[in-house]
Amino acid sequence: MRHALLVYLVLLFLSPAAYAVVDINTANQAELETLNGIGPSKAQAIIEYRKKNGGFKTVEELDQVPGIGQATLNNMKKDISVGSKKAAPADTVKNTAEKKKP
């Protein structure tokens, strides 16, 4: 009984963290590595890009980081933000890009 209660409490405290949105402008390497498709080398590449370019203006700019393509970006879009702005759904971004084509 005591073990089950301990497991329940741990899950209760960890569950909000599992649903937290990661701000790619302020996240450290460990926080970036919690994102789907981001390991140590991609997390470091994000940090280096951020240092070199002064941070991200949009979440879509993340695909400019070496090793991160559109597929990776789409897989983690719901879990990232830039400041207080949460990423737009992938289909919204695609539709906006298509409208801008001449």
PDB file of N, CA and C in Angstrom:
ATOM      1  N   MET A   1       0.834  -1.197   0.000  1.00  0.00           N
ATOM      2  CA  MET A   1       0.000   0.000   0.000  1.00  0.00           C
ATOM      3  C   MET A   1       0.881   1.265   0.000  1.00  0.00           C
ATOM      4  N   ARG A   2       1.896   1.231   0.816  1.00  0.00           N
ATOM      5  CA  ARG A   2       2.787   2.380   0.913  1.00  0.00           C
ATOM      6  C   ARG A   2       3.510   2.619  -0.415  1.00  0.00           C
ATOM      7  N   HIS A   3       3.912   1.532  -1.056  1.00  0.00           N
ATOM      8  CA  HIS A   3       4.601   1.626  -2.355  1.00  0.00           C
ATOM      9  C   HIS A   3       3.669   2.208  -3.422  1.00  0.00           C
ATOM     10  N   ALA A   4       2.431   1.768  -3.436  1.00  0.00           N
ATOM     11  CA  ALA A   4       1.459   2.266  -4.415  1.00  0.00           C
ATOM     12  C   ALA A   4       1.205   3.754  -4.213  1.00  0.00           C
ATOM     13  N   LEU A   5       1.134   4.187  -2.973  1.00  0.00           N
ATOM     14  CA  LEU A   5       0.924   5.602  -2.678  1.00  0.00           C
ATOM     15  C   LEU A   5       2.117   6.433  -3.157  1.00  0.00           C
ATOM     16  N   LEU A   6       3.312   5.923  -2.944  1.00  0.00           N
ATOM     17  CA  LEU A   6       4.514   6.612  -3.392  1.00  0.00           C
ATOM     18  C   LEU A   6       4.540   6.738  -4.915  1.00  0.00           C
ATOM     19  N   VAL A   7       4.207   5.675  -5.615  1.00  0.00           N
ATOM     20  CA  VAL A   7       4.157   5.693  -7.078  1.00  0.00           C
ATOM     21  C   VAL A   7       3.111   6.703  -7.550  1.00  0.00           C
ATOM     22  N   TYR A   8       1.967   6.719  -6.932  1.00  0.00           N
ATOM     23  CA  TYR A   8       0.902   7.656  -7.288  1.00  0.00           C
ATOM     24  C   TYR A   8       1.373   9.098  -7.113  1.00  0.00           C
ATOM     25  N   LEU A   9       2.030   9.397  -6.001  1.00  0.00           N
ATOM     26  CA  LEU A   9       2.497  10.757  -5.752  1.00  0.00           C
ATOM     27  C   LEU A   9       3.558  11.187  -6.759  1.00  0.00           C
ATOM     28  N   VAL A  10       4.456  10.286  -7.096  1.00  0.00           N
ATOM     29  CA  VAL A  10       5.483  10.599  -8.089  1.00  0.00           C
ATOM     30  C   VAL A  10       4.839  10.901  -9.437  1.00  0.00           C
ATOM     31  N   LEU A  11       3.902  10.075  -9.846  1.00  0.00           N
ATOM     32  CA  LEU A  11       3.215  10.303 -11.123  1.00  0.00           C
ATOM     33  C   LEU A  11       2.423  11.606 -11.110  1.00  0.00           C
ATOM     34  N   LEU A  12       1.823  11.911  -9.995  1.00  0.00           N
ATOM     35  CA  LEU A  12       1.051  13.141  -9.866  1.00  0.00           C
ATOM     36  C   LEU A  12       1.940  14.366 -10.043  1.00  0.00           C
ATOM     37  N   PHE A  13       3.133  14.338  -9.459  1.00  0.00           N
ATOM     38  CA  PHE A  13       4.032  15.481  -9.566  1.00  0.00           C
ATOM     39  C   PHE A  13       4.729  15.566 -10.914  1.00  0.00           C
ATOM     40  N   LEU A  14       4.929  14.449 -11.575  1.00  0.00           N
ATOM     41  CA  LEU A  14       5.620  14.447 -12.861  1.00  0.00           C
ATOM     42  C   LEU A  14       4.694  14.703 -14.041  1.00  0.00           C
ATOM     43  N   SER A  15       3.430  14.411 -13.903  1.00  0.00           N
ATOM     44  CA  SER A  15       2.524  14.536 -15.044  1.00  0.00           C
ATOM     45  C   SER A  15       2.411  15.959 -15.591  1.00  0.00           C
ATOM     46  N   PRO A  16       2.365  17.022 -14.789  1.00  0.00           N
ATOM     47  CA  PRO A  16       2.333  18.359 -15.400  1.00  0.00           C
ATOM     48  C   PRO A  16       3.580  18.660 -16.211  1.00  0.00           C
ATOM     49  N   ALA A  17       4.724  18.151 -15.790  1.00  0.00           N
ATOM     50  CA  ALA A  17       5.960  18.387 -16.531  1.00  0.00           C
ATOM     51  C   ALA A  17       5.915  17.720 -17.898  1.00  0.00           C
ATOM     52  N   ALA A  18       5.217  16.609 -17.999  1.00  0.00           N
ATOM     53  CA  ALA A  18       5.133  15.895 -19.272  1.00  0.00           C
ATOM     54  C   ALA A  18       4.327  16.684 -20.299  1.00  0.00           C
ATOM     55  N   TYR A  19       3.477  17.580 -19.839  1.00  0.00           N
ATOM     56  CA  TYR A  19       2.637  18.349 -20.746  1.00  0.00           C
ATOM     57  C   TYR A  19       3.076  19.799 -20.875  1.00  0.00           C
ATOM     58  N   ALA A  20       4.201  20.142 -20.270  1.00  0.00           N
ATOM     59  CA  ALA A  20       4.682  21.518 -20.324  1.00  0.00           C
ATOM     60  C   ALA A  20       5.215  21.844 -21.713  1.00  0.00           C
ATOM     61  N   VAL A  21       4.966  23.054 -22.143  1.00  0.00           N
ATOM     62  CA  VAL A  21       5.480  23.529 -23.415  1.00  0.00           C
ATOM     63  C   VAL A  21       6.887  24.065 -23.170  1.00  0.00           C
ATOM     64  N   VAL A  22       7.824  23.708 -24.029  1.00  0.00           N
ATOM     65  CA  VAL A  22       9.218  24.109 -23.888  1.00  0.00           C
ATOM     66  C   VAL A  22       9.464  25.370 -24.709  1.00  0.00           C
ATOM     67  N   ASP A  23       9.943  26.408 -24.054  1.00  0.00           N
ATOM     68  CA  ASP A  23      10.308  27.645 -24.741  1.00  0.00           C
ATOM     69  C   ASP A  23      11.702  27.440 -25.319  1.00  0.00           C
ATOM     70  N   ILE A  24      11.805  27.385 -26.636  1.00  0.00           N
ATOM     71  CA  ILE A  24      13.087  27.086 -27.275  1.00  0.00           C
ATOM     72  C   ILE A  24      14.100  28.222 -27.143  1.00  0.00           C
ATOM     73  N   ASN A  25      13.669  29.378 -26.665  1.00  0.00           N
ATOM     74  CA  ASN A  25      14.608  30.473 -26.444  1.00  0.00           C
ATOM     75  C   ASN A  25      15.224  30.461 -25.053  1.00  0.00           C
ATOM     76  N   THR A  26      14.630  29.739 -24.125  1.00  0.00           N
ATOM     77  CA  THR A  26      15.142  29.752 -22.757  1.00  0.00           C
ATOM     78  C   THR A  26      15.493  28.362 -22.229  1.00  0.00           C
ATOM     79  N   ALA A  27      15.099  27.319 -22.930  1.00  0.00           N
ATOM     80  CA  ALA A  27      15.314  25.953 -22.443  1.00  0.00           C
ATOM     81  C   ALA A  27      16.791  25.594 -22.418  1.00  0.00           C
ATOM     82  N   ASN A  28      17.169  24.848 -21.379  1.00  0.00           N
ATOM     83  CA  ASN A  28      18.538  24.342 -21.333  1.00  0.00           C
ATOM     84  C   ASN A  28      18.603  23.024 -22.111  1.00  0.00           C
ATOM     85  N   GLN A  29      19.774  22.429 -22.169  1.00  0.00           N
ATOM     86  CA  GLN A  29      19.950  21.224 -22.972  1.00  0.00           C
ATOM     87  C   GLN A  29      19.043  20.092 -22.501  1.00  0.00           C
ATOM     88  N   ALA A  30      18.958  19.879 -21.202  1.00  0.00           N
ATOM     89  CA  ALA A  30      18.125  18.789 -20.674  1.00  0.00           C
ATOM     90  C   ALA A  30      16.659  19.008 -21.033  1.00  0.00           C
ATOM     91  N   GLU A  31      16.181  20.242 -20.964  1.00  0.00           N
ATOM     92  CA  GLU A  31      14.788  20.533 -21.314  1.00  0.00           C
ATOM     93  C   GLU A  31      14.548  20.299 -22.805  1.00  0.00           C
ATOM     94  N   LEU A  32      15.490  20.704 -23.635  1.00  0.00           N
ATOM     95  CA  LEU A  32      15.343  20.493 -25.076  1.00  0.00           C
ATOM     96  C   LEU A  32      15.321  19.005 -25.409  1.00  0.00           C
ATOM     97  N   GLU A  33      16.089  18.210 -24.685  1.00  0.00           N
ATOM     98  CA  GLU A  33      16.144  16.778 -24.943  1.00  0.00           C
ATOM     99  C   GLU A  33      14.852  16.056 -24.578  1.00  0.00           C
ATOM    100  N   THR A  34      13.950  16.710 -23.863  1.00  0.00           N
ATOM    101  CA  THR A  34      12.655  16.093 -23.570  1.00  0.00           C
ATOM    102  C   THR A  34      11.734  16.136 -24.781  1.00  0.00           C
ATOM    103  N   LEU A  35      12.091  16.918 -25.788  1.00  0.00           N
ATOM    104  CA  LEU A  35      11.258  17.048 -26.983  1.00  0.00           C
ATOM    105  C   LEU A  35      11.414  15.828 -27.894  1.00  0.00           C
ATOM    106  N   ASN A  36      10.335  15.454 -28.545  1.00  0.00           N
ATOM    107  CA  ASN A  36      10.312  14.325 -29.470  1.00  0.00           C
ATOM    108  C   ASN A  36      11.291  14.565 -30.621  1.00  0.00           C
ATOM    109  N   GLY A  37      12.272  13.672 -30.774  1.00  0.00           N
ATOM    110  CA  GLY A  37      13.221  13.774 -31.877  1.00  0.00           C
ATOM    111  C   GLY A  37      14.467  14.590 -31.577  1.00  0.00           C
ATOM    112  N   ILE A  38      14.598  15.092 -30.355  1.00  0.00           N
ATOM    113  CA  ILE A  38      15.756  15.912 -29.995  1.00  0.00           C
ATOM    114  C   ILE A  38      16.623  15.146 -28.995  1.00  0.00           C
ATOM    115  N   GLY A  39      17.839  14.860 -29.437  1.00  0.00           N
ATOM    116  CA  GLY A  39      18.831  14.230 -28.572  1.00  0.00           C
ATOM    117  C   GLY A  39      19.885  15.247 -28.194  1.00  0.00           C
ATOM    118  N   PRO A  40      20.982  14.790 -27.592  1.00  0.00           N
ATOM    119  CA  PRO A  40      22.025  15.715 -27.141  1.00  0.00           C
ATOM    120  C   PRO A  40      22.616  16.588 -28.251  1.00  0.00           C
ATOM    121  N   SER A  41      22.896  16.020 -29.417  1.00  0.00           N
ATOM    122  CA  SER A  41      23.532  16.819 -30.475  1.00  0.00           C
ATOM    123  C   SER A  41      22.575  17.857 -31.061  1.00  0.00           C
ATOM    124  N   LYS A  42      21.312  17.502 -31.240  1.00  0.00           N
ATOM    125  CA  LYS A  42      20.348  18.480 -31.767  1.00  0.00           C
ATOM    126  C   LYS A  42      20.045  19.560 -30.727  1.00  0.00           C
ATOM    127  N   ALA A  43      19.995  19.164 -29.456  1.00  0.00           N
ATOM    128  CA  ALA A  43      19.776  20.155 -28.394  1.00  0.00           C
ATOM    129  C   ALA A  43      20.922  21.160 -28.385  1.00  0.00           C
ATOM    130  N   GLN A  44      22.139  20.675 -28.508  1.00  0.00           N
ATOM    131  CA  GLN A  44      23.299  21.563 -28.541  1.00  0.00           C
ATOM    132  C   GLN A  44      23.264  22.454 -29.781  1.00  0.00           C
ATOM    133  N   ALA A  45      22.826  21.911 -30.908  1.00  0.00           N
ATOM    134  CA  ALA A  45      22.719  22.709 -32.138  1.00  0.00           C
ATOM    135  C   ALA A  45      21.691  23.830 -31.967  1.00  0.00           C
ATOM    136  N   ILE A  46      20.604  23.552 -31.270  1.00  0.00           N
ATOM    137  CA  ILE A  46      19.586  24.583 -31.004  1.00  0.00           C
ATOM    138  C   ILE A  46      20.191  25.692 -30.155  1.00  0.00           C
ATOM    139  N   ILE A  47      20.923  25.306 -29.120  1.00  0.00           N
ATOM    140  CA  ILE A  47      21.541  26.290 -28.232  1.00  0.00           C
ATOM    141  C   ILE A  47      22.565  27.132 -28.991  1.00  0.00           C
ATOM    142  N   GLU A  48      23.366  26.508 -29.829  1.00  0.00           N
ATOM    143  CA  GLU A  48      24.365  27.241 -30.619  1.00  0.00           C
ATOM    144  C   GLU A  48      23.692  28.208 -31.597  1.00  0.00           C
ATOM    145  N   TYR A  49      22.639  27.751 -32.263  1.00  0.00           N
ATOM    146  CA  TYR A  49      21.905  28.615 -33.196  1.00  0.00           C
ATOM    147  C   TYR A  49      21.339  29.821 -32.448  1.00  0.00           C
ATOM    148  N   ARG A  50      20.787  29.553 -31.288  1.00  0.00           N
ATOM    149  CA  ARG A  50      20.191  30.600 -30.458  1.00  0.00           C
ATOM    150  C   ARG A  50      21.244  31.633 -30.057  1.00  0.00           C
ATOM    151  N   LYS A  51      22.415  31.177 -29.659  1.00  0.00           N
ATOM    152  CA  LYS A  51      23.494  32.099 -29.274  1.00  0.00           C
ATOM    153  C   LYS A  51      23.955  32.932 -30.468  1.00  0.00           C
ATOM    154  N   LYS A  52      24.120  32.286 -31.599  1.00  0.00           N
ATOM    155  CA  LYS A  52      24.628  32.954 -32.795  1.00  0.00           C
ATOM    156  C   LYS A  52      23.638  33.963 -33.372  1.00  0.00           C
ATOM    157  N   ASN A  53      22.344  33.641 -33.319  1.00  0.00           N
ATOM    158  CA  ASN A  53      21.328  34.450 -33.981  1.00  0.00           C
ATOM    159  C   ASN A  53      20.458  35.271 -33.034  1.00  0.00           C
ATOM    160  N   GLY A  54      20.756  35.243 -31.758  1.00  0.00           N
ATOM    161  CA  GLY A  54      19.992  36.056 -30.813  1.00  0.00           C
ATOM    162  C   GLY A  54      18.622  35.505 -30.479  1.00  0.00           C
ATOM    163  N   GLY A  55      18.426  34.235 -30.628  1.00  0.00           N
ATOM    164  CA  GLY A  55      17.146  33.628 -30.284  1.00  0.00           C
ATOM    165  C   GLY A  55      16.242  33.454 -31.482  1.00  0.00           C
ATOM    166  N   PHE A  56      15.176  32.730 -31.252  1.00  0.00           N
ATOM    167  CA  PHE A  56      14.203  32.435 -32.307  1.00  0.00           C
ATOM    168  C   PHE A  56      13.087  33.463 -32.277  1.00  0.00           C
ATOM    169  N   LYS A  57      12.685  33.915 -33.440  1.00  0.00           N
ATOM    170  CA  LYS A  57      11.549  34.831 -33.541  1.00  0.00           C
ATOM    171  C   LYS A  57      10.238  34.056 -33.680  1.00  0.00           C
ATOM    172  N   THR A  58      10.305  32.897 -34.344  1.00  0.00           N
ATOM    173  CA  THR A  58       9.143  32.024 -34.500  1.00  0.00           C
ATOM    174  C   THR A  58       9.589  30.578 -34.300  1.00  0.00           C
ATOM    175  N   VAL A  59       8.654  29.695 -34.014  1.00  0.00           N
ATOM    176  CA  VAL A  59       9.010  28.282 -33.874  1.00  0.00           C
ATOM    177  C   VAL A  59       9.403  27.691 -35.221  1.00  0.00           C
ATOM    178  N   GLU A  60       8.874  28.226 -36.305  1.00  0.00           N
ATOM    179  CA  GLU A  60       9.198  27.724 -37.632  1.00  0.00           C
ATOM    180  C   GLU A  60      10.672  27.930 -37.975  1.00  0.00           C
ATOM    181  N   GLU A  61      11.299  28.922 -37.357  1.00  0.00           N
ATOM    182  CA  GLU A  61      12.718  29.195 -37.580  1.00  0.00           C
ATOM    183  C   GLU A  61      13.593  28.035 -37.104  1.00  0.00           C
ATOM    184  N   LEU A  62      13.048  27.179 -36.269  1.00  0.00           N
ATOM    185  CA  LEU A  62      13.784  26.021 -35.762  1.00  0.00           C
ATOM    186  C   LEU A  62      14.257  25.111 -36.884  1.00  0.00           C
ATOM    187  N   ASP A  63      13.564  25.106 -38.020  1.00  0.00           N
ATOM    188  CA  ASP A  63      14.005  24.249 -39.129  1.00  0.00           C
ATOM    189  C   ASP A  63      15.273  24.781 -39.804  1.00  0.00           C
ATOM    190  N   GLN A  64      15.761  25.943 -39.387  1.00  0.00           N
ATOM    191  CA  GLN A  64      17.035  26.470 -39.873  1.00  0.00           C
ATOM    192  C   GLN A  64      18.225  25.878 -39.111  1.00  0.00           C
ATOM    193  N   VAL A  65      17.948  25.191 -38.006  1.00  0.00           N
ATOM    194  CA  VAL A  65      19.004  24.570 -37.207  1.00  0.00           C
ATOM    195  C   VAL A  65      19.477  23.306 -37.926  1.00  0.00           C
ATOM    196  N   PRO A  66      20.790  23.139 -38.105  1.00  0.00           N
ATOM    197  CA  PRO A  66      21.298  21.934 -38.761  1.00  0.00           C
ATOM    198  C   PRO A  66      20.805  20.661 -38.045  1.00  0.00           C
ATOM    199  N   GLY A  67      20.276  19.730 -38.835  1.00  0.00           N
ATOM    200  CA  GLY A  67      19.788  18.466 -38.285  1.00  0.00           C
ATOM    201  C   GLY A  67      18.315  18.459 -37.945  1.00  0.00           C
ATOM    202  N   ILE A  68      17.667  19.617 -38.027  1.00  0.00           N
ATOM    203  CA  ILE A  68      16.232  19.681 -37.736  1.00  0.00           C
ATOM    204  C   ILE A  68      15.515  20.081 -39.011  1.00  0.00           C
ATOM    205  N   GLY A  69      14.718  19.162 -39.507  1.00  0.00           N
ATOM    206  CA  GLY A  69      13.961  19.419 -40.719  1.00  0.00           C
ATOM    207  C   GLY A  69      12.491  19.642 -40.417  1.00  0.00           C
ATOM    208  N   GLN A  70      11.723  19.765 -41.456  1.00  0.00           N
ATOM    209  CA  GLN A  70      10.296  20.025 -41.310  1.00  0.00           C
ATOM    210  C   GLN A  70       9.573  18.901 -40.579  1.00  0.00           C
ATOM    211  N   ALA A  71       9.962  17.652 -40.842  1.00  0.00           N
ATOM    212  CA  ALA A  71       9.302  16.515 -40.181  1.00  0.00           C
ATOM    213  C   ALA A  71       9.528  16.561 -38.672  1.00  0.00           C
ATOM    214  N   THR A  72      10.759  16.823 -38.256  1.00  0.00           N
ATOM    215  CA  THR A  72      11.059  16.916 -36.819  1.00  0.00           C
ATOM    216  C   THR A  72      10.294  18.067 -36.204  1.00  0.00           C
ATOM    217  N   LEU A  73      10.281  19.193 -36.877  1.00  0.00           N
ATOM    218  CA  LEU A  73       9.557  20.364 -36.387  1.00  0.00           C
ATOM    219  C   LEU A  73       8.072  20.063 -36.230  1.00  0.00           C
ATOM    220  N   ASN A  74       7.470  19.430 -37.222  1.00  0.00           N
ATOM    221  CA  ASN A  74       6.044  19.095 -37.142  1.00  0.00           C
ATOM    222  C   ASN A  74       5.744  18.141 -35.990  1.00  0.00           C
ATOM    223  N   ASN A  75       6.670  17.200 -35.708  1.00  0.00           N
ATOM    224  CA  ASN A  75       6.455  16.239 -34.626  1.00  0.00           C
ATOM    225  C   ASN A  75       6.475  16.879 -33.248  1.00  0.00           C
ATOM    226  N   MET A  76       7.183  17.970 -33.085  1.00  0.00           N
ATOM    227  CA  MET A  76       7.285  18.572 -31.751  1.00  0.00           C
ATOM    228  C   MET A  76       6.589  19.923 -31.647  1.00  0.00           C
ATOM    229  N   LYS A  77       5.943  20.357 -32.692  1.00  0.00           N
ATOM    230  CA  LYS A  77       5.332  21.681 -32.735  1.00  0.00           C
ATOM    231  C   LYS A  77       4.366  21.946 -31.576  1.00  0.00           C
ATOM    232  N   LYS A  78       3.615  20.950 -31.186  1.00  0.00           N
ATOM    233  CA  LYS A  78       2.647  21.135 -30.098  1.00  0.00           C
ATOM    234  C   LYS A  78       3.316  21.299 -28.742  1.00  0.00           C
ATOM    235  N   ASP A  79       4.599  20.970 -28.671  1.00  0.00           N
ATOM    236  CA  ASP A  79       5.320  20.982 -27.404  1.00  0.00           C
ATOM    237  C   ASP A  79       6.290  22.143 -27.247  1.00  0.00           C
ATOM    238  N   ILE A  80       6.348  23.051 -28.227  1.00  0.00           N
ATOM    239  CA  ILE A  80       7.319  24.136 -28.167  1.00  0.00           C
ATOM    240  C   ILE A  80       6.663  25.498 -28.294  1.00  0.00           C
ATOM    241  N   SER A  81       7.395  26.496 -27.831  1.00  0.00           N
ATOM    242  CA  SER A  81       6.939  27.877 -27.962  1.00  0.00           C
ATOM    243  C   SER A  81       8.152  28.784 -28.061  1.00  0.00           C
ATOM    244  N   VAL A  82       7.892  30.026 -28.443  1.00  0.00           N
ATOM    245  CA  VAL A  82       8.899  31.081 -28.431  1.00  0.00           C
ATOM    246  C   VAL A  82       8.309  32.160 -27.544  1.00  0.00           C
ATOM    247  N   GLY A  83       8.852  32.321 -26.361  1.00  0.00           N
ATOM    248  CA  GLY A  83       8.268  33.252 -25.408  1.00  0.00           C
ATOM    249  C   GLY A  83       6.893  32.743 -25.014  1.00  0.00           C
ATOM    250  N   SER A  84       5.914  33.594 -25.047  1.00  0.00           N
ATOM    251  CA  SER A  84       4.567  33.180 -24.673  1.00  0.00           C
ATOM    252  C   SER A  84       3.757  32.696 -25.872  1.00  0.00           C
ATOM    253  N   LYS A  85       4.359  32.752 -27.066  1.00  0.00           N
ATOM    254  CA  LYS A  85       3.652  32.322 -28.273  1.00  0.00           C
ATOM    255  C   LYS A  85       3.812  30.822 -28.465  1.00  0.00           C
ATOM    256  N   LYS A  86       2.703  30.107 -28.492  1.00  0.00           N
ATOM    257  CA  LYS A  86       2.737  28.671 -28.770  1.00  0.00           C
ATOM    258  C   LYS A  86       2.726  28.469 -30.276  1.00  0.00           C
ATOM    259  N   ALA A  87       3.289  27.380 -30.710  1.00  0.00           N
ATOM    260  CA  ALA A  87       3.368  27.087 -32.143  1.00  0.00           C
ATOM    261  C   ALA A  87       1.980  26.931 -32.743  1.00  0.00           C
ATOM    262  N   ALA A  88       1.846  27.366 -33.984  1.00  0.00           N
ATOM    263  CA  ALA A  88       0.605  27.145 -34.726  1.00  0.00           C
ATOM    264  C   ALA A  88       0.567  25.693 -35.172  1.00  0.00           C
ATOM    265  N   PRO A  89      -0.617  25.102 -35.284  1.00  0.00           N
ATOM    266  CA  PRO A  89      -0.692  23.727 -35.779  1.00  0.00           C
ATOM    267  C   PRO A  89      -0.023  23.603 -37.143  1.00  0.00           C
ATOM    268  N   ALA A  90       0.544  22.441 -37.420  1.00  0.00           N
ATOM    269  CA  ALA A  90       1.307  22.214 -38.649  1.00  0.00           C
ATOM    270  C   ALA A  90       0.492  22.513 -39.897  1.00  0.00           C
ATOM    271  N   ASP A  91      -0.783  22.134 -39.921  1.00  0.00           N
ATOM    272  CA  ASP A  91      -1.583  22.367 -41.119  1.00  0.00           C
ATOM    273  C   ASP A  91      -1.852  23.854 -41.335  1.00  0.00           C
ATOM    274  N   THR A  92      -1.914  24.639 -40.262  1.00  0.00           N
ATOM    275  CA  THR A  92      -2.109  26.079 -40.392  1.00  0.00           C
ATOM    276  C   THR A  92      -0.894  26.717 -41.039  1.00  0.00           C
ATOM    277  N   VAL A  93       0.293  26.299 -40.611  1.00  0.00           N
ATOM    278  CA  VAL A  93       1.524  26.841 -41.176  1.00  0.00           C
ATOM    279  C   VAL A  93       1.618  26.490 -42.649  1.00  0.00           C
ATOM    280  N   LYS A  94       1.282  25.259 -43.008  1.00  0.00           N
ATOM    281  CA  LYS A  94       1.339  24.829 -44.401  1.00  0.00           C
ATOM    282  C   LYS A  94       0.372  25.648 -45.253  1.00  0.00           C
ATOM    283  N   ASN A  95      -0.839  25.843 -44.764  1.00  0.00           N
ATOM    284  CA  ASN A  95      -1.829  26.604 -45.522  1.00  0.00           C
ATOM    285  C   ASN A  95      -1.394  28.052 -45.696  1.00  0.00           C
ATOM    286  N   THR A  96      -0.793  28.640 -44.691  1.00  0.00           N
ATOM    287  CA  THR A  96      -0.318  30.010 -44.788  1.00  0.00           C
ATOM    288  C   THR A  96       0.787  30.111 -45.822  1.00  0.00           C
ATOM    289  N   ALA A  97       1.708  29.146 -45.825  1.00  0.00           N
ATOM    290  CA  ALA A  97       2.806  29.143 -46.807  1.00  0.00           C
ATOM    291  C   ALA A  97       2.271  29.003 -48.217  1.00  0.00           C
ATOM    292  N   GLU A  98       1.247  28.171 -48.411  1.00  0.00           N
ATOM    293  CA  GLU A  98       0.686  27.980 -49.742  1.00  0.00           C
ATOM    294  C   GLU A  98      -0.003  29.236 -50.244  1.00  0.00           C
ATOM    295  N   LYS A  99      -0.629  29.988 -49.350  1.00  0.00           N
ATOM    296  CA  LYS A  99      -1.305  31.227 -49.754  1.00  0.00           C
ATOM    297  C   LYS A  99      -0.328  32.280 -50.217  1.00  0.00           C
ATOM    298  N   LYS A 100       0.914  32.228 -49.689  1.00  0.00           N
ATOM    299  CA  LYS A 100       1.905  33.252 -50.044  1.00  0.00           C
ATOM    300  C   LYS A 100       2.546  32.993 -51.398  1.00  0.00           C
ATOM    301  N   LYS A 101       2.382  31.790 -51.950  1.00  0.00           N
ATOM    302  CA  LYS A 101       2.978  31.476 -53.242  1.00  0.00           C
ATOM    303  C   LYS A 101       2.331  32.326 -54.337  1.00  0.00           C
ATOM    304  N   PRO A 102       3.152  32.839 -55.278  1.00  0.00           N
ATOM    305  CA  PRO A 102       2.582  33.679 -56.351  1.00  0.00           C
ATOM    306  C   PRO A 102       1.781  32.884 -57.342  1.00  0.00           C
TER     307      PRO A 102
END
